[in-house]
Amino acid sequence: MIRSGDEHPATPDWRDQAACVGEDPEIFFPLSDVAVPGTEASLARAICRRCAVLGACRAWAIEHGEDDGIWGATTAAQRRVIRRATTEPAPASGRYRGQAGASRT
């Protein structure tokens, strides 16, 4: 017989593996998020850089529009730039693509 708790084992969440677990949350929500060494954000970013799930954390924050704090070693301003770069269409090359590959009849 399968017990109800054994049917669907808990799926590990990337947050459980984060280097920031147990750290003071205030570290990750500084008054200033300027990414310059010596600023309030630098301690949070240093913790993030040693994290095994940095990429998942950053991706989650970008995907969910997180506009506060340090996530995946990025500031809110950096995530906005990444979000814009990944959602805006690529600029046109200025050439009509159909000309080069047009068939002759």
Protein backbone atom coordinates (compact mmCIF):
# COMPACT_ATOMS: atom_id res chain seq x y z
CA MET A 1 0.00 0.00 0.00
CA ILE A 2 1.26 3.49 -0.89
CA ARG A 3 0.81 6.13 1.73
CA SER A 4 -0.50 9.44 0.49
CA GLY A 5 2.78 11.17 1.33
CA ASP A 6 4.72 8.70 -0.85
CA GLU A 7 2.60 9.14 -3.98
CA HIS A 8 4.11 12.51 -4.91
CA PRO A 9 7.44 13.12 -3.24
CA ALA A 10 8.22 16.74 -2.59
CA THR A 11 9.91 18.34 -5.57
CA PRO A 12 13.07 20.12 -4.51
CA ASP A 13 12.75 23.86 -4.92
CA TRP A 14 15.78 25.91 -6.01
CA ARG A 15 15.07 28.26 -3.10
CA ASP A 16 15.90 25.48 -0.63
CA GLN A 17 19.43 25.31 -2.08
CA ALA A 18 20.07 29.06 -2.14
CA ALA A 19 23.15 30.46 -0.40
CA CYS A 20 20.99 33.19 1.12
CA VAL A 21 18.93 30.76 3.21
CA GLY A 22 19.39 31.85 6.82
CA GLU A 23 20.90 35.24 5.90
CA ASP A 24 19.30 38.47 7.06
CA PRO A 25 16.77 39.40 4.33
CA GLU A 26 17.59 43.09 4.83
CA ILE A 27 20.95 42.39 3.13
CA PHE A 28 19.11 41.66 -0.11
CA PHE A 29 16.87 44.71 0.03
CA PRO A 30 19.34 47.58 0.55
CA LEU A 31 18.31 51.22 0.47
CA SER A 32 20.51 51.68 -2.58
CA ASP A 33 20.98 49.01 -5.24
CA VAL A 34 23.82 50.69 -7.07
CA ALA A 35 26.17 47.96 -8.25
CA VAL A 36 29.43 49.60 -7.19
CA PRO A 37 31.89 47.85 -4.85
CA GLY A 38 31.53 49.20 -1.33
CA THR A 39 27.83 49.91 -1.63
CA GLU A 40 25.07 48.26 0.35
CA ALA A 41 24.32 45.86 -2.51
CA SER A 42 27.84 44.44 -2.60
CA LEU A 43 27.37 42.06 0.37
CA ALA A 44 24.23 40.56 -1.14
CA ARG A 45 25.90 40.18 -4.53
CA ALA A 46 28.90 38.46 -2.90
CA ILE A 47 26.58 35.92 -1.27
CA CYS A 48 24.80 35.38 -4.59
CA ARG A 49 28.04 34.77 -6.47
CA ARG A 50 28.82 31.71 -4.34
CA CYS A 51 25.31 30.30 -4.82
CA ALA A 52 24.66 27.05 -6.69
CA VAL A 53 21.25 28.27 -7.89
CA LEU A 54 22.21 31.80 -8.97
CA GLY A 55 20.91 31.26 -12.51
CA ALA A 56 17.53 29.93 -11.37
CA CYS A 57 17.15 32.80 -8.93
CA ARG A 58 17.99 35.41 -11.56
CA ALA A 59 15.69 33.80 -14.13
CA TRP A 60 12.81 33.68 -11.63
CA ALA A 61 13.23 37.36 -10.74
CA ILE A 62 13.32 38.41 -14.40
CA GLU A 63 10.37 36.22 -15.35
CA HIS A 64 8.25 37.46 -12.45
CA GLY A 65 9.17 41.14 -12.84
CA GLU A 66 10.78 41.40 -9.42
CA ASP A 67 11.61 45.10 -9.11
CA ASP A 68 12.98 45.14 -5.58
CA GLY A 69 16.12 43.78 -4.05
CA ILE A 70 19.07 41.72 -5.18
CA TRP A 71 18.19 38.47 -6.96
CA GLY A 72 20.73 36.24 -8.69
CA ALA A 73 23.47 38.84 -8.10
CA THR A 74 21.55 41.46 -10.08
CA THR A 75 19.96 44.72 -9.03
CA ALA A 76 16.45 45.75 -10.05
CA ALA A 77 17.91 48.11 -12.67
CA GLN A 78 20.04 45.34 -14.17
CA ARG A 79 17.05 43.01 -14.36
CA ARG A 80 15.00 45.69 -16.14
CA VAL A 81 17.74 45.99 -18.78
CA ILE A 82 17.84 42.20 -19.21
CA ARG A 83 14.04 42.02 -19.44
CA ARG A 84 13.95 44.75 -22.11
CA ALA A 85 16.73 43.10 -24.08
CA THR A 86 14.96 39.76 -24.10
CA THR A 87 11.47 41.04 -24.88
CA GLU A 88 12.14 43.71 -27.51
CA PRO A 89 12.28 42.54 -31.12
CA ALA A 90 15.68 42.48 -32.78
CA PRO A 91 16.34 45.49 -35.01
CA ALA A 92 15.79 44.90 -38.72
CA SER A 93 18.93 44.52 -40.80
CA GLY A 94 17.63 47.00 -43.38
CA ARG A 95 17.67 44.43 -46.18
CA TYR A 96 14.67 42.71 -47.69
CA ARG A 97 15.24 39.02 -47.03
CA GLY A 98 13.05 37.90 -49.95
CA GLN A 99 15.41 39.36 -52.58
CA ALA A 100 18.37 37.08 -51.95
CA GLY A 101 16.37 33.88 -51.96
CA ALA A 102 13.79 34.75 -54.61
CA SER A 103 13.26 32.09 -57.26
CA ARG A 104 13.45 33.00 -60.91
CA THR A 105 10.57 32.02 -63.14
